[in-house]
Amino acid sequence: MAETAATAALCPAPTTAAPDCPLEADTLLAEGLARVLACYAALDLASIPALAACYAPEARFRDPFNDVRGREAIAAIFRHMFAAVAQPQFRILRHWRTGQDAMVEWQFDFVLRGKALSFDGCSRLVLGTDGLVHSHLDYWDAASGLYAHLPLVGGLMGWLAARMR
């Protein structure tokens, strides 16, 4: 049976696999998720091309600072990250997947102006039946995760937080 866009969008997990969603497709999804998680866990400046290859050519990546499409634009975000902070590292805390949708909880550790910092976040990934990430939406608190540690902005964020208590 030919695969339709609707079938691809609703591909269930293997325990509930329907004839329209073969086990091979689920294997590609599982392998694709494992590959992108391994790339994030071992990310360094030299491995950015390998990370970008985990994304579909027109993939969307959105976080509190960016909303881009395409592998090169995604790679540029991570090159900028390595230029802006020292020792960036993602620690994958846990993840789960249902069909093509995956959620990943992570901790981002980095050094900014000599101070070791970290914050938690999560990512919603939508994988295609090709095993590539087609959509990556990051959720994290930019106010406490990064803004609070910037000169001037950090002081303003602290003042606002105190006023709201």
C-alpha atoms as a PDB file:
ATOM      1  CA  MET A   1       0.000   0.000   0.000  1.00  0.00           C
ATOM      2  CA  ALA A   2       1.385   3.424  -0.911  1.00  0.00           C
ATOM      3  CA  GLU A   3       2.242   5.639   2.038  1.00  0.00           C
ATOM      4  CA  THR A   4       0.283   8.887   2.206  1.00  0.00           C
ATOM      5  CA  ALA A   5       1.164  12.109   4.023  1.00  0.00           C
ATOM      6  CA  ALA A   6      -1.573  11.360   6.574  1.00  0.00           C
ATOM      7  CA  THR A   7      -0.159   7.885   7.196  1.00  0.00           C
ATOM      8  CA  ALA A   8       3.343   9.318   7.659  1.00  0.00           C
ATOM      9  CA  ALA A   9       2.055  11.899  10.134  1.00  0.00           C
ATOM     10  CA  LEU A  10       0.241   9.327  12.267  1.00  0.00           C
ATOM     11  CA  CYS A  11       2.704   6.437  12.272  1.00  0.00           C
ATOM     12  CA  PRO A  12       2.100   4.654  15.608  1.00  0.00           C
ATOM     13  CA  ALA A  13       4.664   2.949  17.817  1.00  0.00           C
ATOM     14  CA  PRO A  14       5.528  -0.667  16.917  1.00  0.00           C
ATOM     15  CA  THR A  15       3.328  -2.145  19.620  1.00  0.00           C
ATOM     16  CA  THR A  16       0.335  -0.689  17.801  1.00  0.00           C
ATOM     17  CA  ALA A  17       1.729  -0.863  14.281  1.00  0.00           C
ATOM     18  CA  ALA A  18      -0.896  -0.879  11.586  1.00  0.00           C
ATOM     19  CA  PRO A  19      -0.439  -2.325   8.089  1.00  0.00           C
ATOM     20  CA  ASP A  20       0.035   1.246   6.800  1.00  0.00           C
ATOM     21  CA  CYS A  21       2.996   1.770   9.160  1.00  0.00           C
ATOM     22  CA  PRO A  22       5.510  -1.012   8.663  1.00  0.00           C
ATOM     23  CA  LEU A  23       7.969  -1.947  11.367  1.00  0.00           C
ATOM     24  CA  GLU A  24      10.802  -0.797   9.082  1.00  0.00           C
ATOM     25  CA  ALA A  25       9.504   2.785   9.311  1.00  0.00           C
ATOM     26  CA  ASP A  26       9.457   2.580  13.094  1.00  0.00           C
ATOM     27  CA  THR A  27      13.022   1.259  13.066  1.00  0.00           C
ATOM     28  CA  LEU A  28      14.110   4.270  10.983  1.00  0.00           C
ATOM     29  CA  LEU A  29      12.388   6.599  13.467  1.00  0.00           C
ATOM     30  CA  ALA A  30      14.088   4.942  16.446  1.00  0.00           C
ATOM     31  CA  GLU A  31      17.475   5.014  14.729  1.00  0.00           C
ATOM     32  CA  GLY A  32      17.006   8.646  13.696  1.00  0.00           C
ATOM     33  CA  LEU A  33      16.195   9.693  17.250  1.00  0.00           C
ATOM     34  CA  ALA A  34      19.155   7.740  18.631  1.00  0.00           C
ATOM     35  CA  ARG A  35      21.459   9.374  16.060  1.00  0.00           C
ATOM     36  CA  VAL A  36      20.387  12.965  16.822  1.00  0.00           C
ATOM     37  CA  LEU A  37      20.583  12.369  20.598  1.00  0.00           C
ATOM     38  CA  ALA A  38      24.100  10.941  20.237  1.00  0.00           C
ATOM     39  CA  CYS A  39      25.115  13.997  18.204  1.00  0.00           C
ATOM     40  CA  TYR A  40      23.833  16.373  20.870  1.00  0.00           C
ATOM     41  CA  ALA A  41      25.485  14.414  23.688  1.00  0.00           C
ATOM     42  CA  ALA A  42      28.876  14.559  21.916  1.00  0.00           C
ATOM     43  CA  LEU A  43      28.492  17.981  20.277  1.00  0.00           C
ATOM     44  CA  ASP A  44      31.600  20.008  19.616  1.00  0.00           C
ATOM     45  CA  LEU A  45      32.513  22.521  16.948  1.00  0.00           C
ATOM     46  CA  ALA A  46      33.897  19.845  14.615  1.00  0.00           C
ATOM     47  CA  SER A  47      30.753  17.685  14.866  1.00  0.00           C
ATOM     48  CA  ILE A  48      28.259  20.373  13.823  1.00  0.00           C
ATOM     49  CA  PRO A  49      28.099  18.987  10.239  1.00  0.00           C
ATOM     50  CA  ALA A  50      27.189  15.539  11.613  1.00  0.00           C
ATOM     51  CA  LEU A  51      24.442  17.124  13.724  1.00  0.00           C
ATOM     52  CA  ALA A  52      23.124  19.098  10.736  1.00  0.00           C
ATOM     53  CA  ALA A  53      22.967  15.842   8.744  1.00  0.00           C
ATOM     54  CA  CYS A  54      20.416  14.530  11.292  1.00  0.00           C
ATOM     55  CA  TYR A  55      17.965  17.170  10.029  1.00  0.00           C
ATOM     56  CA  ALA A  56      15.899  17.138   6.849  1.00  0.00           C
ATOM     57  CA  PRO A  57      17.093  19.663   4.234  1.00  0.00           C
ATOM     58  CA  GLU A  58      14.198  22.056   4.999  1.00  0.00           C
ATOM     59  CA  ALA A  59      13.847  21.261   8.717  1.00  0.00           C
ATOM     60  CA  ARG A  60      12.558  23.938  11.078  1.00  0.00           C
ATOM     61  CA  PHE A  61      14.413  24.798  14.306  1.00  0.00           C
ATOM     62  CA  ARG A  62      12.863  27.154  16.830  1.00  0.00           C
ATOM     63  CA  ASP A  63      14.072  28.210  20.274  1.00  0.00           C
ATOM     64  CA  PRO A  64      13.600  31.417  22.318  1.00  0.00           C
ATOM     65  CA  PHE A  65      16.132  33.237  20.083  1.00  0.00           C
ATOM     66  CA  ASN A  66      15.794  31.622  16.662  1.00  0.00           C
ATOM     67  CA  ASP A  67      13.247  30.409  14.152  1.00  0.00           C
ATOM     68  CA  VAL A  68      15.050  29.087  11.090  1.00  0.00           C
ATOM     69  CA  ARG A  69      14.654  26.567   8.295  1.00  0.00           C
ATOM     70  CA  GLY A  70      17.304  24.443   6.651  1.00  0.00           C
ATOM     71  CA  ARG A  71      20.405  22.542   7.662  1.00  0.00           C
ATOM     72  CA  GLU A  72      22.818  25.429   7.090  1.00  0.00           C
ATOM     73  CA  ALA A  73      20.741  27.821   9.212  1.00  0.00           C
ATOM     74  CA  ILE A  74      20.575  25.219  11.991  1.00  0.00           C
ATOM     75  CA  ALA A  75      24.340  24.650  11.785  1.00  0.00           C
ATOM     76  CA  ALA A  76      24.870  28.436  11.995  1.00  0.00           C
ATOM     77  CA  ILE A  77      22.982  28.540  15.313  1.00  0.00           C
ATOM     78  CA  PHE A  78      25.361  26.002  16.816  1.00  0.00           C
ATOM     79  CA  ARG A  79      28.467  27.673  15.390  1.00  0.00           C
ATOM     80  CA  HIS A  80      27.266  30.894  17.024  1.00  0.00           C
ATOM     81  CA  MET A  81      26.694  29.024  20.301  1.00  0.00           C
ATOM     82  CA  PHE A  82      30.337  27.886  20.320  1.00  0.00           C
ATOM     83  CA  ALA A  83      31.474  31.464  19.593  1.00  0.00           C
ATOM     84  CA  ALA A  84      29.269  32.965  22.320  1.00  0.00           C
ATOM     85  CA  VAL A  85      29.915  30.592  25.239  1.00  0.00           C
ATOM     86  CA  ALA A  86      32.740  28.339  26.373  1.00  0.00           C
ATOM     87  CA  GLN A  87      32.454  24.599  26.959  1.00  0.00           C
ATOM     88  CA  PRO A  88      28.831  24.168  25.839  1.00  0.00           C
ATOM     89  CA  GLN A  89      27.490  20.700  26.534  1.00  0.00           C
ATOM     90  CA  PHE A  90      24.062  19.115  26.323  1.00  0.00           C
ATOM     91  CA  ARG A  91      23.284  16.362  28.800  1.00  0.00           C
ATOM     92  CA  ILE A  92      20.333  14.263  27.744  1.00  0.00           C
ATOM     93  CA  LEU A  93      18.353  13.530  30.914  1.00  0.00           C
ATOM     94  CA  ARG A  94      15.579  11.429  29.383  1.00  0.00           C
ATOM     95  CA  HIS A  95      13.557  11.065  26.236  1.00  0.00           C
ATOM     96  CA  TRP A  96      10.540   9.260  24.873  1.00  0.00           C
ATOM     97  CA  ARG A  97       8.953   8.765  21.483  1.00  0.00           C
ATOM     98  CA  THR A  98       5.483   7.977  20.227  1.00  0.00           C
ATOM     99  CA  GLY A  99       5.508   7.376  16.500  1.00  0.00           C
ATOM    100  CA  GLN A 100       7.136  10.350  14.835  1.00  0.00           C
ATOM    101  CA  ASP A 101       6.943  12.647  17.881  1.00  0.00           C
ATOM    102  CA  ALA A 102       9.727  12.710  20.456  1.00  0.00           C
ATOM    103  CA  MET A 103      10.308  14.712  23.621  1.00  0.00           C
ATOM    104  CA  VAL A 104      13.781  15.192  25.031  1.00  0.00           C
ATOM    105  CA  GLU A 105      14.606  16.624  28.448  1.00  0.00           C
ATOM    106  CA  TRP A 106      18.118  18.034  28.646  1.00  0.00           C
ATOM    107  CA  GLN A 107      20.464  20.153  30.683  1.00  0.00           C
ATOM    108  CA  PHE A 108      22.690  22.689  28.964  1.00  0.00           C
ATOM    109  CA  ASP A 109      25.986  23.402  30.717  1.00  0.00           C
ATOM    110  CA  PHE A 110      28.300  26.199  29.597  1.00  0.00           C
ATOM    111  CA  VAL A 111      30.758  28.822  30.778  1.00  0.00           C
ATOM    112  CA  LEU A 112      29.946  32.501  30.309  1.00  0.00           C
ATOM    113  CA  ARG A 113      32.523  35.153  31.272  1.00  0.00           C
ATOM    114  CA  GLY A 114      34.367  32.595  33.412  1.00  0.00           C
ATOM    115  CA  LYS A 115      31.291  31.442  35.319  1.00  0.00           C
ATOM    116  CA  ALA A 116      29.957  27.874  34.963  1.00  0.00           C
ATOM    117  CA  LEU A 117      26.208  27.938  34.336  1.00  0.00           C
ATOM    118  CA  SER A 118      23.466  25.531  33.350  1.00  0.00           C
ATOM    119  CA  PHE A 119      19.753  25.423  32.676  1.00  0.00           C
ATOM    120  CA  ASP A 120      17.171  22.796  31.877  1.00  0.00           C
ATOM    121  CA  GLY A 121      14.993  22.584  28.833  1.00  0.00           C
ATOM    122  CA  CYS A 122      13.137  20.228  26.579  1.00  0.00           C
ATOM    123  CA  SER A 123      12.823  19.730  22.863  1.00  0.00           C
ATOM    124  CA  ARG A 124       9.940  18.459  20.781  1.00  0.00           C
ATOM    125  CA  LEU A 125      11.232  16.672  17.714  1.00  0.00           C
ATOM    126  CA  VAL A 126       9.142  15.522  14.792  1.00  0.00           C
ATOM    127  CA  LEU A 127      10.909  12.849  12.790  1.00  0.00           C
ATOM    128  CA  GLY A 128      10.090  11.944   9.228  1.00  0.00           C
ATOM    129  CA  THR A 129       9.763   8.364   8.097  1.00  0.00           C
ATOM    130  CA  ASP A 130      13.226   8.942   6.600  1.00  0.00           C
ATOM    131  CA  GLY A 131      14.592   9.058  10.175  1.00  0.00           C
ATOM    132  CA  LEU A 132      15.521  12.751   9.893  1.00  0.00           C
ATOM    133  CA  VAL A 133      14.338  15.557  12.169  1.00  0.00           C
ATOM    134  CA  HIS A 134      11.795  17.696  10.302  1.00  0.00           C
ATOM    135  CA  SER A 135      10.820  19.972  13.186  1.00  0.00           C
ATOM    136  CA  HIS A 136      12.728  20.860  16.368  1.00  0.00           C
ATOM    137  CA  LEU A 137      11.050  23.144  18.903  1.00  0.00           C
ATOM    138  CA  ASP A 138      13.023  24.023  22.038  1.00  0.00           C
ATOM    139  CA  TYR A 139      11.385  25.076  25.267  1.00  0.00           C
ATOM    140  CA  TRP A 140      13.455  26.722  27.985  1.00  0.00           C
ATOM    141  CA  ASP A 141      13.281  29.778  30.174  1.00  0.00           C
ATOM    142  CA  ALA A 142      15.484  32.373  28.488  1.00  0.00           C
ATOM    143  CA  ALA A 143      14.956  34.805  31.381  1.00  0.00           C
ATOM    144  CA  SER A 144      16.536  32.592  34.042  1.00  0.00           C
ATOM    145  CA  GLY A 145      18.572  30.438  31.680  1.00  0.00           C
ATOM    146  CA  LEU A 146      20.611  33.113  29.975  1.00  0.00           C
ATOM    147  CA  TYR A 147      19.329  36.673  30.345  1.00  0.00           C
ATOM    148  CA  ALA A 148      19.800  36.613  34.110  1.00  0.00           C
ATOM    149  CA  HIS A 149      23.562  36.196  33.592  1.00  0.00           C
ATOM    150  CA  LEU A 150      24.096  39.065  31.171  1.00  0.00           C
ATOM    151  CA  PRO A 151      25.347  42.474  32.338  1.00  0.00           C
ATOM    152  CA  LEU A 152      22.580  45.044  32.835  1.00  0.00           C
ATOM    153  CA  VAL A 153      19.900  42.624  31.655  1.00  0.00           C
ATOM    154  CA  GLY A 154      20.649  40.303  34.585  1.00  0.00           C
ATOM    155  CA  GLY A 155      20.190  43.112  37.087  1.00  0.00           C
ATOM    156  CA  LEU A 156      16.933  44.122  35.461  1.00  0.00           C
ATOM    157  CA  MET A 157      15.694  40.519  35.495  1.00  0.00           C
ATOM    158  CA  GLY A 158      16.540  40.203  39.205  1.00  0.00           C
ATOM    159  CA  TRP A 159      14.752  43.457  39.981  1.00  0.00           C
ATOM    160  CA  LEU A 160      11.662  42.370  38.021  1.00  0.00           C
ATOM    161  CA  ALA A 161      11.614  38.983  39.747  1.00  0.00           C
ATOM    162  CA  ALA A 162      11.818  40.614  43.173  1.00  0.00           C
ATOM    163  CA  ARG A 163       8.997  43.029  42.291  1.00  0.00           C
ATOM    164  CA  MET A 164       6.733  40.166  41.229  1.00  0.00           C
ATOM    165  CA  ARG A 165       7.119  38.243  44.495  1.00  0.00           C
END
